[in-house]
Amino acid sequence: MARYSTRSKSRAVQVWISRLLAITLALALWLIPLPPAWVERVYSSSFYLAWQQKITPLANHVPFALFDLFAAIAAIALIVQWILRWRAIKQGAARLRQLALAVFDVVCLAAVLYIFFALSWGLNYQRPPLESRLDFDSSRVTHASVSALAQTAVASLNRLQPLAAQQPWPGYEATRYTLSRSFDVAQLSLGQKTKAEAGTPKSTLLNVYFRMAAIDGMTDPFFLETMVSDDALPVERPFIIAHEWGHLAGYASEAEANFVGWLTCQDAGEQAQYSAWLALYWHLAAALPPPERRALDANLNENVKRDLRAIAERYTQSAPRVRVMAWALYDRFLKANRVSEGIASYEGVVSLVVGTRFTHGWTPALKSASLSRQN
């Protein structure tokens, strides 16, 4: 009996030590910033992409979102642990001690999840900004250049809409097939030597929440799969999918994922291009004063206006309180992960497009190529 008691105590000590180590590691990953160059070299361009190339194809073969199953298992495990704590209280155990242990259970689970998140995808938040790799110049980002790009967007939308409407909009699998090659091209154009795998767009049990919070899609940071809201309109889907693939490629910033998604769509067919210009138009319009915005709207043809109204209407069908709360939480999440702009980072795609020099259509010029050209 003494031997079993000693073993039991030894295991209990090991469990406590492992839990404390998990909490310590999670705090270190959260609070101690890593050198961006090191993150790029060791994690984002190496470990992460090797991991992504293995886990995403596996997730693609599963017909449902692994994130849903993972979240359900984590929730059930926590509930079971709480029930055991409650039973211990009912059987006479010290109430305050059991309540403290219940809180500690939550902290331990959060620590383990954060470690998984950081190693599986989250450290990409600390990589150098994409603009450091591009022939990017912030002095190019002026009111005149943004206005010019907005005019280009209007002309592109008016030209592409009748072409995109000539055939039915494809479903998720067909869209994935259409965009996959373009996704590879976009990654290579950004100087990414190792290409990330495209994710199969999936539905999720979070769809009710997505609809209420006006969320278009999400990249599962644990199993690196692509989830898209069921109520996304056909004209929105190509860009939403390409945007989430930008996250799969390791671009955690929303502006950079928008940029990668936009580039991906530009290399695809007319429907994908139209979807991308629709998405960019909102950001361009938001960057201009109301009189210019109204002039832009007036130059759009009626079918483009109809699509923009449909997108706006879908947004207004969300639950305002849930939407505000969800985006406020996401803003805090981004800032906690060292994205100082928070949700305002979505608008940064305008600066990336305007401030980057392009060659051969919408192929971005890289900084190394620019330096070679100057020499």
Protein backbone atom coordinates (compact mmCIF):
# COMPACT_ATOMS: atom_id res chain seq x y z
CA MET A 1 0.00 0.00 0.00
CA ALA A 2 2.82 2.37 0.86
CA ARG A 3 4.42 1.69 -2.52
CA TYR A 4 1.17 2.55 -4.36
CA SER A 5 0.75 5.66 -2.20
CA THR A 6 4.28 6.79 -3.05
CA ARG A 7 3.65 6.19 -6.76
CA SER A 8 0.39 8.11 -6.58
CA LYS A 9 2.06 11.06 -4.89
CA SER A 10 4.91 10.96 -7.41
CA ARG A 11 2.46 11.06 -10.32
CA ALA A 12 0.54 13.90 -8.70
CA VAL A 13 3.77 15.87 -8.34
CA GLN A 14 4.64 15.19 -11.99
CA VAL A 15 1.20 16.40 -13.09
CA TRP A 16 1.59 19.60 -11.08
CA ILE A 17 5.07 20.21 -12.45
CA SER A 18 3.91 19.64 -16.03
CA ARG A 19 0.99 22.02 -15.54
CA LEU A 20 3.21 24.73 -14.08
CA LEU A 21 5.70 24.27 -16.93
CA ALA A 22 2.86 24.63 -19.46
CA ILE A 23 1.71 27.86 -17.84
CA THR A 24 5.28 29.18 -17.72
CA LEU A 25 5.91 28.36 -21.39
CA ALA A 26 2.59 29.91 -22.45
CA LEU A 27 3.37 33.11 -20.56
CA ALA A 28 6.85 33.23 -22.09
CA LEU A 29 5.48 32.82 -25.62
CA TRP A 30 2.87 35.49 -24.97
CA LEU A 31 4.93 38.09 -23.13
CA ILE A 32 8.46 37.77 -24.54
CA PRO A 33 8.77 39.01 -28.14
CA LEU A 34 11.03 37.03 -30.44
CA PRO A 35 13.38 38.64 -32.99
CA PRO A 36 11.35 38.99 -36.22
CA ALA A 37 14.29 37.89 -38.41
CA TRP A 38 14.64 34.73 -36.31
CA VAL A 39 10.89 34.05 -36.54
CA GLU A 40 11.03 34.44 -40.33
CA ARG A 41 14.07 32.22 -40.78
CA VAL A 42 13.40 29.48 -38.23
CA TYR A 43 9.62 29.44 -37.91
CA SER A 44 7.60 31.09 -40.71
CA SER A 45 9.74 30.07 -43.69
CA SER A 46 10.83 26.72 -42.29
CA PHE A 47 9.09 24.94 -39.42
CA TYR A 48 5.65 26.42 -40.01
CA LEU A 49 5.45 25.69 -43.75
CA ALA A 50 6.77 22.15 -43.24
CA TRP A 51 4.04 21.62 -40.62
CA GLN A 52 1.38 23.26 -42.81
CA GLN A 53 2.24 21.06 -45.79
CA LYS A 54 1.55 18.00 -43.65
CA ILE A 55 -1.47 19.00 -41.56
CA THR A 56 -3.60 20.88 -44.14
CA PRO A 57 -3.71 18.00 -46.68
CA LEU A 58 -4.74 15.68 -43.85
CA ALA A 59 -7.46 18.11 -42.75
CA ASN A 60 -8.61 18.40 -46.38
CA HIS A 61 -9.51 14.70 -46.36
CA VAL A 62 -11.83 15.13 -43.37
CA PRO A 63 -15.33 16.20 -44.52
CA PHE A 64 -16.02 18.29 -41.41
CA ALA A 65 -14.11 21.00 -39.59
CA LEU A 66 -11.61 19.45 -37.18
CA PHE A 67 -11.77 22.71 -35.25
CA ASP A 68 -15.37 21.89 -34.27
CA LEU A 69 -14.38 18.47 -32.93
CA PHE A 70 -11.35 19.86 -31.13
CA ALA A 71 -13.38 22.64 -29.49
CA ALA A 72 -16.06 20.15 -28.43
CA ILE A 73 -13.50 17.78 -26.87
CA ALA A 74 -11.79 20.63 -25.00
CA ALA A 75 -15.15 21.90 -23.69
CA ILE A 76 -16.27 18.42 -22.62
CA ALA A 77 -12.97 17.75 -20.86
CA LEU A 78 -13.28 20.99 -18.94
CA ILE A 79 -16.91 20.33 -17.99
CA VAL A 80 -16.05 16.82 -16.78
CA GLN A 81 -13.25 18.22 -14.66
CA TRP A 82 -15.60 20.79 -13.15
CA ILE A 83 -18.16 18.06 -12.37
CA LEU A 84 -15.48 16.07 -10.55
CA ARG A 85 -14.56 19.18 -8.55
CA TRP A 86 -18.21 19.74 -7.67
CA ARG A 87 -18.64 16.14 -6.55
CA ALA A 88 -15.56 16.49 -4.35
CA ILE A 89 -17.20 19.51 -2.69
CA LYS A 90 -20.44 17.56 -2.22
CA GLN A 91 -18.46 14.76 -0.58
CA GLY A 92 -16.98 17.13 2.00
CA ALA A 93 -13.81 18.38 0.35
CA ALA A 94 -12.74 21.94 1.11
CA ARG A 95 -14.91 24.21 -1.07
CA LEU A 96 -12.41 27.04 -1.57
CA ARG A 97 -9.65 24.61 -2.48
CA GLN A 98 -11.81 22.87 -5.09
CA LEU A 99 -12.95 26.19 -6.53
CA ALA A 100 -9.32 27.31 -6.77
CA LEU A 101 -8.45 24.04 -8.49
CA ALA A 102 -11.35 24.54 -10.93
CA VAL A 103 -9.94 27.95 -11.86
CA PHE A 104 -6.49 26.39 -12.15
CA ASP A 105 -7.94 23.78 -14.54
CA VAL A 106 -9.13 26.59 -16.82
CA VAL A 107 -5.74 28.31 -16.68
CA CYS A 108 -3.93 25.06 -17.51
CA LEU A 109 -6.22 24.32 -20.44
CA ALA A 110 -5.79 27.87 -21.74
CA ALA A 111 -2.01 27.51 -21.44
CA VAL A 112 -1.94 24.26 -23.40
CA LEU A 113 -4.22 25.69 -26.10
CA TYR A 114 -2.07 28.81 -26.39
CA ILE A 115 1.11 26.77 -26.77
CA PHE A 116 -0.57 24.70 -29.48
CA PHE A 117 -1.83 27.90 -31.15
CA ALA A 118 1.56 29.64 -31.04
CA LEU A 119 3.55 26.70 -32.39
CA SER A 120 1.00 25.65 -34.99
CA TRP A 121 0.38 29.12 -36.49
CA GLY A 122 0.41 32.01 -34.01
CA LEU A 123 4.12 32.87 -34.10
CA ASN A 124 3.53 34.19 -37.62
CA TYR A 125 2.27 37.34 -35.93
CA GLN A 126 5.90 38.10 -35.05
CA ARG A 127 7.44 37.71 -38.51
CA PRO A 128 8.70 40.83 -40.33
CA PRO A 129 6.02 42.79 -42.23
CA LEU A 130 5.45 41.73 -45.83
CA GLU A 131 6.35 45.19 -47.06
CA SER A 132 9.96 44.60 -45.96
CA ARG A 133 10.17 41.95 -48.72
CA LEU A 134 8.47 44.06 -51.41
CA ASP A 135 9.57 47.04 -53.45
CA PHE A 136 7.37 49.11 -51.16
CA ASP A 137 7.62 52.84 -50.55
CA SER A 138 5.27 54.55 -48.11
CA SER A 139 5.73 57.84 -49.98
CA ARG A 140 3.70 56.32 -52.82
CA VAL A 141 0.69 56.12 -50.50
CA THR A 142 -0.97 59.47 -51.19
CA HIS A 143 -4.52 60.66 -51.59
CA ALA A 144 -3.96 60.96 -55.33
CA SER A 145 -2.66 57.38 -55.65
CA VAL A 146 -5.51 55.95 -53.57
CA SER A 147 -8.01 57.91 -55.66
CA ALA A 148 -6.38 56.59 -58.85
CA LEU A 149 -6.58 53.01 -57.61
CA ALA A 150 -10.24 53.56 -56.72
CA GLN A 151 -10.88 54.68 -60.32
CA THR A 152 -9.09 51.55 -61.51
CA ALA A 153 -11.33 49.49 -59.25
CA VAL A 154 -14.47 51.08 -60.71
CA ALA A 155 -13.30 50.46 -64.27
CA SER A 156 -12.33 46.86 -63.44
CA LEU A 157 -15.68 46.14 -61.76
CA ASN A 158 -17.65 47.58 -64.67
CA ARG A 159 -15.60 45.54 -67.15
CA LEU A 160 -15.56 42.27 -65.20
CA GLN A 161 -19.18 42.11 -64.00
CA PRO A 162 -20.77 41.09 -67.33
CA LEU A 163 -17.94 38.60 -67.95
CA ALA A 164 -18.34 37.08 -64.48
CA ALA A 165 -22.10 36.82 -64.94
CA GLN A 166 -21.83 34.81 -68.17
CA GLN A 167 -21.63 31.53 -66.25
CA PRO A 168 -22.95 30.31 -62.89
CA TRP A 169 -20.77 31.00 -59.90
CA PRO A 170 -18.91 27.83 -58.89
CA GLY A 171 -19.33 25.98 -55.62
CA TYR A 172 -16.63 25.67 -53.00
CA GLU A 173 -14.76 22.72 -54.51
CA ALA A 174 -14.73 24.21 -58.01
CA THR A 175 -13.55 27.54 -56.58
CA ARG A 176 -10.75 25.75 -54.74
CA TYR A 177 -9.69 24.04 -57.97
CA THR A 178 -9.76 27.34 -59.89
CA LEU A 179 -7.76 29.27 -57.29
CA SER A 180 -5.16 26.66 -56.30
CA ARG A 181 -2.74 27.31 -59.17
CA SER A 182 -3.12 31.07 -58.73
CA PHE A 183 -2.39 30.69 -55.02
CA ASP A 184 0.90 28.99 -55.89
CA VAL A 185 1.75 31.78 -58.34
CA ALA A 186 0.95 34.47 -55.75
CA GLN A 187 3.22 32.85 -53.16
CA LEU A 188 6.11 32.59 -55.61
CA SER A 189 5.61 36.21 -56.64
CA LEU A 190 6.12 37.20 -52.99
CA GLY A 191 9.48 35.42 -52.85
CA GLN A 192 8.14 32.48 -50.85
CA LYS A 193 10.27 29.50 -51.87
CA THR A 194 8.18 26.89 -50.04
CA LYS A 195 4.53 26.95 -51.06
CA ALA A 196 1.71 26.45 -48.57
CA GLU A 197 -1.02 23.96 -49.41
CA ALA A 198 -4.50 25.27 -50.26
CA GLY A 199 -7.26 24.34 -47.81
CA THR A 200 -10.61 22.82 -48.71
CA PRO A 201 -13.35 25.35 -47.81
CA LYS A 202 -15.48 23.86 -45.06
CA SER A 203 -18.65 24.65 -43.19
CA THR A 204 -18.49 24.86 -39.41
CA LEU A 205 -20.71 24.65 -36.36
CA LEU A 206 -19.69 28.27 -35.77
CA ASN A 207 -21.86 29.36 -38.72
CA VAL A 208 -24.60 30.73 -36.48
CA TYR A 209 -21.99 32.85 -34.69
CA PHE A 210 -20.39 33.85 -38.00
CA ARG A 211 -23.77 35.04 -39.27
CA MET A 212 -24.58 37.01 -36.13
CA ALA A 213 -21.10 38.58 -35.93
CA ALA A 214 -20.78 39.30 -39.68
CA ILE A 215 -17.70 37.09 -40.00
CA ASP A 216 -16.96 35.81 -43.51
CA GLY A 217 -14.55 33.03 -42.69
CA MET A 218 -11.80 31.79 -40.43
CA THR A 219 -8.52 29.93 -40.61
CA ASP A 220 -8.30 27.18 -38.02
CA PRO A 221 -4.99 27.99 -36.26
CA PHE A 222 -4.69 24.47 -34.82
CA PHE A 223 -5.33 22.17 -37.80
CA LEU A 224 -4.79 24.81 -40.49
CA GLU A 225 -8.06 24.37 -42.36
CA THR A 226 -10.25 26.91 -44.12
CA MET A 227 -13.75 27.62 -42.81
CA VAL A 228 -16.21 29.83 -44.71
CA SER A 229 -19.54 31.23 -43.56
CA ASP A 230 -22.50 29.48 -45.16
CA ASP A 231 -24.24 32.76 -45.93
CA ALA A 232 -21.32 34.22 -47.90
CA LEU A 233 -22.59 35.30 -51.31
CA PRO A 234 -21.25 33.57 -54.44
CA VAL A 235 -19.57 36.82 -55.55
CA GLU A 236 -17.74 36.97 -52.21
CA ARG A 237 -16.54 33.39 -51.94
CA PRO A 238 -13.46 33.45 -54.21
CA PHE A 239 -11.88 36.33 -52.33
CA ILE A 240 -12.89 35.02 -48.89
CA ILE A 241 -11.26 31.67 -49.66
CA ALA A 242 -8.14 33.31 -51.12
CA HIS A 243 -7.91 35.60 -48.08
CA GLU A 244 -8.01 32.64 -45.70
CA TRP A 245 -5.37 30.91 -47.80
CA GLY A 246 -3.20 33.96 -47.24
CA HIS A 247 -3.37 33.10 -43.54
CA LEU A 248 -2.52 29.46 -44.36
CA ALA A 249 0.59 30.73 -46.15
CA GLY A 250 1.71 32.23 -42.84
CA TYR A 251 0.58 35.84 -43.27
CA ALA A 252 -1.14 36.50 -39.96
CA SER A 253 -1.77 40.21 -40.57
CA GLU A 254 -5.23 40.82 -42.00
CA ALA A 255 -3.83 43.42 -44.42
CA GLU A 256 -1.25 40.93 -45.70
CA ALA A 257 -3.83 38.13 -46.00
CA ASN A 258 -6.02 40.55 -47.96
CA PHE A 259 -3.06 41.36 -50.21
CA VAL A 260 -2.23 37.69 -50.82
CA GLY A 261 -5.90 36.93 -51.48
CA TRP A 262 -6.18 39.85 -53.88
CA LEU A 263 -3.05 38.76 -55.77
CA THR A 264 -4.33 35.19 -55.94
CA CYS A 265 -7.61 36.30 -57.47
CA GLN A 266 -5.92 38.62 -59.97
CA ASP A 267 -4.17 35.63 -61.53
CA ALA A 268 -7.40 33.60 -61.75
CA GLY A 269 -10.45 34.03 -64.01
CA GLU A 270 -12.87 36.90 -64.35
CA GLN A 271 -15.11 35.75 -61.51
CA ALA A 272 -12.24 35.63 -59.01
CA GLN A 273 -10.96 39.00 -60.23
CA TYR A 274 -14.41 40.52 -59.86
CA SER A 275 -14.72 39.12 -56.34
CA ALA A 276 -11.32 40.59 -55.40
CA TRP A 277 -12.11 44.05 -56.76
CA LEU A 278 -15.45 44.03 -54.92
CA ALA A 279 -13.60 43.30 -51.66
CA LEU A 280 -10.95 45.95 -52.29
CA TYR A 281 -13.56 48.54 -53.30
CA TRP A 282 -14.94 48.69 -49.73
CA HIS A 283 -11.49 49.51 -48.33
CA LEU A 284 -10.78 52.08 -51.05
CA ALA A 285 -14.12 53.80 -50.54
CA ALA A 286 -13.53 53.92 -46.78
CA ALA A 287 -10.17 55.62 -47.37
CA LEU A 288 -11.68 58.49 -49.38
CA PRO A 289 -13.81 61.44 -48.25
CA PRO A 290 -17.60 61.14 -48.71
CA PRO A 291 -17.86 63.38 -51.83
CA GLU A 292 -15.30 61.25 -53.70
CA ARG A 293 -16.96 58.09 -52.45
CA ARG A 294 -20.32 59.21 -53.82
CA ALA A 295 -18.70 60.06 -57.18
CA LEU A 296 -17.18 56.58 -57.32
CA ASP A 297 -20.50 54.95 -56.56
CA ALA A 298 -22.18 56.98 -59.29
CA ASN A 299 -19.74 55.63 -61.90
CA LEU A 300 -20.49 51.99 -61.10
CA ASN A 301 -22.92 50.17 -63.35
CA GLU A 302 -26.20 49.02 -61.87
CA ASN A 303 -25.26 45.35 -61.66
CA VAL A 304 -22.14 46.13 -59.65
CA LYS A 305 -24.20 48.36 -57.37
CA ARG A 306 -26.66 45.51 -56.93
CA ASP A 307 -23.87 43.16 -55.79
CA LEU A 308 -22.49 45.76 -53.38
CA ARG A 309 -25.97 46.32 -51.93
CA ALA A 310 -26.42 42.56 -51.48
CA ILE A 311 -23.13 42.37 -49.57
CA ALA A 312 -24.13 45.35 -47.43
CA GLU A 313 -27.54 43.82 -46.77
CA ARG A 314 -25.97 40.55 -45.61
CA TYR A 315 -23.86 42.55 -43.21
CA THR A 316 -26.89 44.40 -41.79
CA GLN A 317 -28.63 41.10 -41.12
CA SER A 318 -26.10 40.33 -38.40
CA ALA A 319 -26.85 40.95 -34.74
CA PRO A 320 -25.44 44.42 -33.88
CA ARG A 321 -24.55 43.62 -30.27
CA VAL A 322 -22.92 40.33 -31.15
CA ARG A 323 -21.08 41.97 -34.05
CA VAL A 324 -19.73 44.80 -31.92
CA MET A 325 -18.67 42.42 -29.14
CA ALA A 326 -17.05 39.96 -31.56
CA TRP A 327 -15.03 42.59 -33.38
CA ALA A 328 -14.03 44.26 -30.11
CA LEU A 329 -12.72 40.92 -28.84
CA TYR A 330 -10.88 40.31 -32.10
CA ASP A 331 -9.39 43.79 -31.92
CA ARG A 332 -8.02 42.98 -28.45
CA PHE A 333 -6.78 39.60 -29.67
CA LEU A 334 -4.85 41.19 -32.54
CA LYS A 335 -3.32 43.83 -30.29
CA ALA A 336 -2.37 41.15 -27.73
CA ASN A 337 -0.54 39.41 -30.58
CA ARG A 338 1.43 42.56 -31.39
CA VAL A 339 -0.77 43.83 -34.24
CA SER A 340 -0.90 47.41 -32.99
CA GLU A 341 -3.58 48.49 -35.50
CA GLY A 342 -6.03 45.82 -34.31
CA ILE A 343 -8.95 45.31 -36.68
CA ALA A 344 -7.94 48.50 -38.48
CA SER A 345 -5.20 46.33 -40.05
CA TYR A 346 -7.81 45.15 -42.58
CA GLU A 347 -7.60 48.58 -44.22
CA GLY A 348 -3.81 48.24 -44.60
CA VAL A 349 -4.32 46.36 -47.86
CA VAL A 350 -4.87 49.72 -49.57
CA SER A 351 -1.42 50.89 -48.48
CA LEU A 352 0.15 47.61 -49.62
CA VAL A 353 -1.41 47.79 -53.08
CA VAL A 354 -0.71 51.49 -53.58
CA GLY A 355 2.77 51.50 -52.03
CA THR A 356 4.07 48.43 -53.89
CA ARG A 357 5.60 48.62 -57.36
CA PHE A 358 4.12 46.07 -59.75
CA THR A 359 5.54 44.52 -62.91
CA HIS A 360 3.74 42.58 -65.64
CA GLY A 361 0.24 43.48 -64.55
CA TRP A 362 -0.26 42.80 -60.86
CA THR A 363 2.96 40.95 -60.15
CA PRO A 364 4.61 42.64 -57.15
CA ALA A 365 8.25 43.64 -57.48
CA LEU A 366 10.49 42.35 -54.71
CA LYS A 367 12.96 44.52 -52.81
CA SER A 368 15.92 42.36 -53.85
CA ALA A 369 14.99 42.73 -57.52
CA SER A 370 14.65 46.49 -57.07
CA LEU A 371 18.11 46.76 -55.51
CA SER A 372 19.62 44.70 -58.32
CA ARG A 373 17.95 46.94 -60.89
CA GLN A 374 19.38 50.05 -59.21
CA ASN A 375 22.90 48.60 -59.14
